[in-house]
Amino acid sequence: MTHTVPVFINAERVEVAAGITVLLALRAWSEGMADEVETGTLVVLDSRGLPVALDTPVHAGDIFRLIATRERRENADDELH
């Protein structure tokens, strides 16, 4: 039996196998959204708003948020002004 852990993606609880990668957790939640992350349309942020590498292992309670790549650039530009 595989041990599962809860992670949260865009405020939705998803049960995934412990230790899988962020990308695989995204695929368990939404194939389409995972595809958009892989193509660079969306970026994955952690609970602090920092980018997360797709090969990062997930842990129980991890929180991820997906945002448009363009939105991330615009927010970074706003912080500079």
C-alpha atoms as a PDB file:
ATOM      1  CA  MET A   1       0.000   0.000   0.000  1.00  0.00           C
ATOM      2  CA  THR A   2       1.353   3.414  -0.985  1.00  0.00           C
ATOM      3  CA  HIS A   3       1.426   6.088   1.691  1.00  0.00           C
ATOM      4  CA  THR A   4      -0.425   9.220   0.578  1.00  0.00           C
ATOM      5  CA  VAL A   5      -0.122  12.783   1.800  1.00  0.00           C
ATOM      6  CA  PRO A   6      -2.326  15.824   1.316  1.00  0.00           C
ATOM      7  CA  VAL A   7      -1.012  18.773  -0.681  1.00  0.00           C
ATOM      8  CA  PHE A   8      -2.901  21.871  -1.720  1.00  0.00           C
ATOM      9  CA  ILE A   9      -2.886  23.190  -5.270  1.00  0.00           C
ATOM     10  CA  ASN A  10      -4.769  26.428  -5.891  1.00  0.00           C
ATOM     11  CA  ALA A  11      -6.571  25.873  -2.559  1.00  0.00           C
ATOM     12  CA  GLU A  12      -7.744  22.352  -3.523  1.00  0.00           C
ATOM     13  CA  ARG A  13      -6.728  19.389  -1.393  1.00  0.00           C
ATOM     14  CA  VAL A  14      -5.116  16.613  -3.435  1.00  0.00           C
ATOM     15  CA  GLU A  15      -4.031  13.237  -2.042  1.00  0.00           C
ATOM     16  CA  VAL A  16      -0.793  12.094  -3.690  1.00  0.00           C
ATOM     17  CA  ALA A  17       1.839   9.433  -3.094  1.00  0.00           C
ATOM     18  CA  ALA A  18       4.402  10.596  -0.558  1.00  0.00           C
ATOM     19  CA  GLY A  19       7.624  11.860  -2.116  1.00  0.00           C
ATOM     20  CA  ILE A  20       6.422  12.313  -5.698  1.00  0.00           C
ATOM     21  CA  THR A  21       7.546  15.411  -7.564  1.00  0.00           C
ATOM     22  CA  VAL A  22       5.638  18.669  -7.820  1.00  0.00           C
ATOM     23  CA  LEU A  23       5.020  17.928 -11.506  1.00  0.00           C
ATOM     24  CA  LEU A  24       3.486  14.525 -10.750  1.00  0.00           C
ATOM     25  CA  ALA A  25       1.315  16.079  -8.037  1.00  0.00           C
ATOM     26  CA  LEU A  26       0.128  18.643 -10.587  1.00  0.00           C
ATOM     27  CA  ARG A  27      -0.671  15.826 -13.029  1.00  0.00           C
ATOM     28  CA  ALA A  28      -2.736  14.074 -10.336  1.00  0.00           C
ATOM     29  CA  TRP A  29      -4.681  17.314  -9.888  1.00  0.00           C
ATOM     30  CA  SER A  30      -4.979  18.451 -13.526  1.00  0.00           C
ATOM     31  CA  GLU A  31      -3.231  17.092 -16.613  1.00  0.00           C
ATOM     32  CA  GLY A  32      -4.028  20.282 -18.529  1.00  0.00           C
ATOM     33  CA  MET A  33      -2.575  22.594 -15.896  1.00  0.00           C
ATOM     34  CA  ALA A  34       0.540  20.405 -15.606  1.00  0.00           C
ATOM     35  CA  ASP A  35       0.970  20.690 -19.373  1.00  0.00           C
ATOM     36  CA  GLU A  36       0.735  24.491 -19.116  1.00  0.00           C
ATOM     37  CA  VAL A  37       3.421  24.504 -16.425  1.00  0.00           C
ATOM     38  CA  GLU A  38       5.699  22.364 -18.598  1.00  0.00           C
ATOM     39  CA  THR A  39       5.257  24.691 -21.581  1.00  0.00           C
ATOM     40  CA  GLY A  40       5.979  27.753 -19.429  1.00  0.00           C
ATOM     41  CA  THR A  41       2.515  29.326 -19.615  1.00  0.00           C
ATOM     42  CA  LEU A  42       2.083  28.865 -15.853  1.00  0.00           C
ATOM     43  CA  VAL A  43       4.592  28.912 -13.023  1.00  0.00           C
ATOM     44  CA  VAL A  44       4.318  27.078  -9.682  1.00  0.00           C
ATOM     45  CA  LEU A  45       4.790  29.086  -6.495  1.00  0.00           C
ATOM     46  CA  ASP A  46       5.065  27.839  -2.928  1.00  0.00           C
ATOM     47  CA  SER A  47       3.167  29.217   0.057  1.00  0.00           C
ATOM     48  CA  ARG A  48       5.658  32.118   0.286  1.00  0.00           C
ATOM     49  CA  GLY A  49       5.211  33.078  -3.368  1.00  0.00           C
ATOM     50  CA  LEU A  50       8.587  31.697  -4.448  1.00  0.00           C
ATOM     51  CA  PRO A  51       9.006  29.606  -7.626  1.00  0.00           C
ATOM     52  CA  VAL A  52       9.220  25.846  -7.115  1.00  0.00           C
ATOM     53  CA  ALA A  53      11.288  23.461  -9.239  1.00  0.00           C
ATOM     54  CA  LEU A  54       9.093  20.805 -10.835  1.00  0.00           C
ATOM     55  CA  ASP A  55      11.370  17.989  -9.639  1.00  0.00           C
ATOM     56  CA  THR A  56      11.011  19.007  -5.981  1.00  0.00           C
ATOM     57  CA  PRO A  57       9.573  16.195  -3.815  1.00  0.00           C
ATOM     58  CA  VAL A  58       6.262  17.065  -2.135  1.00  0.00           C
ATOM     59  CA  HIS A  59       5.607  16.779   1.591  1.00  0.00           C
ATOM     60  CA  ALA A  60       2.401  16.580   3.569  1.00  0.00           C
ATOM     61  CA  GLY A  61       0.694  19.960   3.743  1.00  0.00           C
ATOM     62  CA  ASP A  62       2.670  21.622   0.942  1.00  0.00           C
ATOM     63  CA  ILE A  63       0.827  24.533  -0.630  1.00  0.00           C
ATOM     64  CA  PHE A  64       1.267  25.395  -4.307  1.00  0.00           C
ATOM     65  CA  ARG A  65      -0.279  28.108  -6.403  1.00  0.00           C
ATOM     66  CA  LEU A  66      -0.216  28.401 -10.175  1.00  0.00           C
ATOM     67  CA  ILE A  67      -0.050  31.789 -11.830  1.00  0.00           C
ATOM     68  CA  ALA A  68       0.415  32.947 -15.392  1.00  0.00           C
ATOM     69  CA  THR A  69       4.038  33.597 -16.284  1.00  0.00           C
ATOM     70  CA  ARG A  70       3.097  37.081 -17.499  1.00  0.00           C
ATOM     71  CA  GLU A  71       1.395  37.871 -14.173  1.00  0.00           C
ATOM     72  CA  ARG A  72       4.574  36.918 -12.314  1.00  0.00           C
ATOM     73  CA  ARG A  73       6.656  39.282 -14.482  1.00  0.00           C
ATOM     74  CA  GLU A  74       4.191  42.131 -13.978  1.00  0.00           C
ATOM     75  CA  ASN A  75       4.250  41.660 -10.190  1.00  0.00           C
ATOM     76  CA  ALA A  76       8.067  41.668 -10.191  1.00  0.00           C
ATOM     77  CA  ASP A  77       8.059  44.889 -12.243  1.00  0.00           C
ATOM     78  CA  ASP A  78       5.661  46.514  -9.754  1.00  0.00           C
ATOM     79  CA  GLU A  79       8.022  45.681  -6.882  1.00  0.00           C
ATOM     80  CA  LEU A  80      10.867  47.487  -8.633  1.00  0.00           C
ATOM     81  CA  HIS A  81       8.936  50.786  -8.831  1.00  0.00           C
END
